Amino acid sequence: MARKRFVFSDKKNPEKGLFSVFLGVISLLGVLGSLLVSYKNGGTIPVRLGAVVFLSVFFAVTGLIMAIRSHMEHDVLLLFPKIGIGLNALTILICGIILYMGV
């Protein structure tokens, strides 16, 4: 029978890491929602949705910077900064692919 081991530490979740995850989720939902509306409209989007994608990229860049800065802090748990880096990088990558394809 395996013993349960508890690990006690003084590490905390960084606030910047949590906020970067929040920004990553918001920006990813904005881009995916705009893609869905564009698909349903046959490839055209209104100007408002273009602004949503632009703001989503701005949020993603801001979230990526915050996640990287919180990842470099000492004595913090790295779960949320890693999730924030992944979500924000994914959003930037999707927008880059959209721009590269010329959509």
C-alpha atoms as a PDB file:
ATOM      1  CA  MET A   1       0.000   0.000   0.000  1.00  0.00           C
ATOM      2  CA  ALA A   2       1.467   3.344  -1.068  1.00  0.00           C
ATOM      3  CA  ARG A   3       1.878   6.083   1.469  1.00  0.00           C
ATOM      4  CA  LYS A   4       0.462   9.492   0.710  1.00  0.00           C
ATOM      5  CA  ARG A   5       3.133  12.116   0.766  1.00  0.00           C
ATOM      6  CA  PHE A   6       2.394  15.735   1.399  1.00  0.00           C
ATOM      7  CA  VAL A   7       4.683  18.427   0.123  1.00  0.00           C
ATOM      8  CA  PHE A   8       4.666  21.675   2.016  1.00  0.00           C
ATOM      9  CA  SER A   9       6.308  24.709   0.474  1.00  0.00           C
ATOM     10  CA  ASP A  10       6.274  28.453   0.663  1.00  0.00           C
ATOM     11  CA  LYS A  11       5.619  28.821  -3.055  1.00  0.00           C
ATOM     12  CA  LYS A  12       2.560  30.757  -4.171  1.00  0.00           C
ATOM     13  CA  ASN A  13       0.681  31.293  -7.399  1.00  0.00           C
ATOM     14  CA  PRO A  14       1.852  34.526  -9.022  1.00  0.00           C
ATOM     15  CA  GLU A  15      -0.855  37.084  -9.722  1.00  0.00           C
ATOM     16  CA  LYS A  16       0.707  37.928 -13.085  1.00  0.00           C
ATOM     17  CA  GLY A  17       0.517  34.259 -14.049  1.00  0.00           C
ATOM     18  CA  LEU A  18      -3.175  34.059 -13.176  1.00  0.00           C
ATOM     19  CA  PHE A  19      -3.909  37.254 -15.075  1.00  0.00           C
ATOM     20  CA  SER A  20      -1.984  35.983 -18.108  1.00  0.00           C
ATOM     21  CA  VAL A  21      -4.160  32.845 -18.151  1.00  0.00           C
ATOM     22  CA  PHE A  22      -7.248  35.070 -17.992  1.00  0.00           C
ATOM     23  CA  LEU A  23      -5.966  37.192 -20.891  1.00  0.00           C
ATOM     24  CA  GLY A  24      -5.076  34.048 -22.840  1.00  0.00           C
ATOM     25  CA  VAL A  25      -8.556  32.589 -22.472  1.00  0.00           C
ATOM     26  CA  ILE A  26     -10.229  35.881 -23.429  1.00  0.00           C
ATOM     27  CA  SER A  27      -8.001  36.379 -26.477  1.00  0.00           C
ATOM     28  CA  LEU A  28      -8.323  32.778 -27.655  1.00  0.00           C
ATOM     29  CA  LEU A  29     -12.122  32.922 -27.358  1.00  0.00           C
ATOM     30  CA  GLY A  30     -12.156  36.204 -29.292  1.00  0.00           C
ATOM     31  CA  VAL A  31     -10.105  34.809 -32.161  1.00  0.00           C
ATOM     32  CA  LEU A  32     -11.980  31.502 -32.323  1.00  0.00           C
ATOM     33  CA  GLY A  33     -15.334  33.301 -32.188  1.00  0.00           C
ATOM     34  CA  SER A  34     -14.277  35.593 -35.029  1.00  0.00           C
ATOM     35  CA  LEU A  35     -13.158  32.584 -37.060  1.00  0.00           C
ATOM     36  CA  LEU A  36     -16.501  30.902 -36.492  1.00  0.00           C
ATOM     37  CA  VAL A  37     -18.455  33.989 -37.585  1.00  0.00           C
ATOM     38  CA  SER A  38     -16.180  34.377 -40.604  1.00  0.00           C
ATOM     39  CA  TYR A  39     -16.758  30.755 -41.575  1.00  0.00           C
ATOM     40  CA  LYS A  40     -20.527  31.146 -41.285  1.00  0.00           C
ATOM     41  CA  ASN A  41     -20.437  34.364 -43.393  1.00  0.00           C
ATOM     42  CA  GLY A  42     -18.481  32.720 -46.192  1.00  0.00           C
ATOM     43  CA  GLY A  43     -15.109  34.238 -45.343  1.00  0.00           C
ATOM     44  CA  THR A  44     -16.102  37.833 -44.743  1.00  0.00           C
ATOM     45  CA  ILE A  45     -16.182  39.520 -41.381  1.00  0.00           C
ATOM     46  CA  PRO A  46     -17.518  42.894 -40.266  1.00  0.00           C
ATOM     47  CA  VAL A  47     -15.106  45.595 -39.182  1.00  0.00           C
ATOM     48  CA  ARG A  48     -16.099  45.044 -35.545  1.00  0.00           C
ATOM     49  CA  LEU A  49     -14.812  41.488 -35.604  1.00  0.00           C
ATOM     50  CA  GLY A  50     -11.563  42.677 -37.141  1.00  0.00           C
ATOM     51  CA  ALA A  51     -11.219  44.982 -34.151  1.00  0.00           C
ATOM     52  CA  VAL A  52     -11.923  42.030 -31.838  1.00  0.00           C
ATOM     53  CA  VAL A  53      -9.086  40.068 -33.433  1.00  0.00           C
ATOM     54  CA  PHE A  54      -6.773  43.068 -33.167  1.00  0.00           C
ATOM     55  CA  LEU A  55      -7.585  43.476 -29.468  1.00  0.00           C
ATOM     56  CA  SER A  56      -7.179  39.734 -28.966  1.00  0.00           C
ATOM     57  CA  VAL A  57      -3.649  39.904 -30.369  1.00  0.00           C
ATOM     58  CA  PHE A  58      -2.916  42.876 -28.103  1.00  0.00           C
ATOM     59  CA  PHE A  59      -4.231  40.932 -25.101  1.00  0.00           C
ATOM     60  CA  ALA A  60      -2.218  37.879 -26.129  1.00  0.00           C
ATOM     61  CA  VAL A  61       1.032  39.834 -26.407  1.00  0.00           C
ATOM     62  CA  THR A  62       0.372  41.484 -23.047  1.00  0.00           C
ATOM     63  CA  GLY A  63      -0.488  38.116 -21.481  1.00  0.00           C
ATOM     64  CA  LEU A  64       2.622  36.503 -22.961  1.00  0.00           C
ATOM     65  CA  ILE A  65       4.854  39.217 -21.504  1.00  0.00           C
ATOM     66  CA  MET A  66       3.183  38.875 -18.105  1.00  0.00           C
ATOM     67  CA  ALA A  67       3.488  35.077 -18.178  1.00  0.00           C
ATOM     68  CA  ILE A  68       7.174  35.208 -19.055  1.00  0.00           C
ATOM     69  CA  ARG A  69       7.848  37.761 -16.321  1.00  0.00           C
ATOM     70  CA  SER A  70       5.982  35.696 -13.725  1.00  0.00           C
ATOM     71  CA  HIS A  71       7.799  32.555 -14.883  1.00  0.00           C
ATOM     72  CA  MET A  72      11.108  34.239 -14.018  1.00  0.00           C
ATOM     73  CA  GLU A  73      10.059  35.075 -10.440  1.00  0.00           C
ATOM     74  CA  HIS A  74      11.558  33.094  -7.586  1.00  0.00           C
ATOM     75  CA  ASP A  75       9.594  30.911  -5.149  1.00  0.00           C
ATOM     76  CA  VAL A  76       6.424  30.693  -7.230  1.00  0.00           C
ATOM     77  CA  LEU A  77       4.452  27.792  -8.644  1.00  0.00           C
ATOM     78  CA  LEU A  78       4.950  27.612 -12.387  1.00  0.00           C
ATOM     79  CA  LEU A  79       1.643  26.047 -13.434  1.00  0.00           C
ATOM     80  CA  PHE A  80      -0.222  29.228 -14.325  1.00  0.00           C
ATOM     81  CA  PRO A  81       2.717  30.965 -16.042  1.00  0.00           C
ATOM     82  CA  LYS A  82       3.206  27.883 -18.254  1.00  0.00           C
ATOM     83  CA  ILE A  83      -0.498  27.724 -19.099  1.00  0.00           C
ATOM     84  CA  GLY A  84      -0.466  31.468 -19.831  1.00  0.00           C
ATOM     85  CA  ILE A  85       2.534  31.128 -22.143  1.00  0.00           C
ATOM     86  CA  GLY A  86       0.832  28.301 -24.002  1.00  0.00           C
ATOM     87  CA  LEU A  87      -2.551  30.005 -24.426  1.00  0.00           C
ATOM     88  CA  ASN A  88      -1.135  33.363 -25.471  1.00  0.00           C
ATOM     89  CA  ALA A  89       1.416  31.832 -27.837  1.00  0.00           C
ATOM     90  CA  LEU A  90      -1.355  29.723 -29.399  1.00  0.00           C
ATOM     91  CA  THR A  91      -3.463  32.836 -29.985  1.00  0.00           C
ATOM     92  CA  ILE A  92      -0.557  34.679 -31.596  1.00  0.00           C
ATOM     93  CA  LEU A  93       0.243  31.615 -33.711  1.00  0.00           C
ATOM     94  CA  ILE A  94      -3.366  31.318 -34.941  1.00  0.00           C
ATOM     95  CA  CYS A  95      -3.457  35.003 -35.874  1.00  0.00           C
ATOM     96  CA  GLY A  96      -0.100  34.652 -37.638  1.00  0.00           C
ATOM     97  CA  ILE A  97      -1.421  31.721 -39.654  1.00  0.00           C
ATOM     98  CA  ILE A  98      -4.521  33.720 -40.573  1.00  0.00           C
ATOM     99  CA  LEU A  99      -2.367  36.624 -41.764  1.00  0.00           C
ATOM    100  CA  TYR A 100      -0.023  34.298 -43.651  1.00  0.00           C
ATOM    101  CA  MET A 101      -2.925  32.648 -45.460  1.00  0.00           C
ATOM    102  CA  GLY A 102      -4.218  36.078 -46.460  1.00  0.00           C
ATOM    103  CA  VAL A 103      -7.634  35.682 -44.969  1.00  0.00           C
END
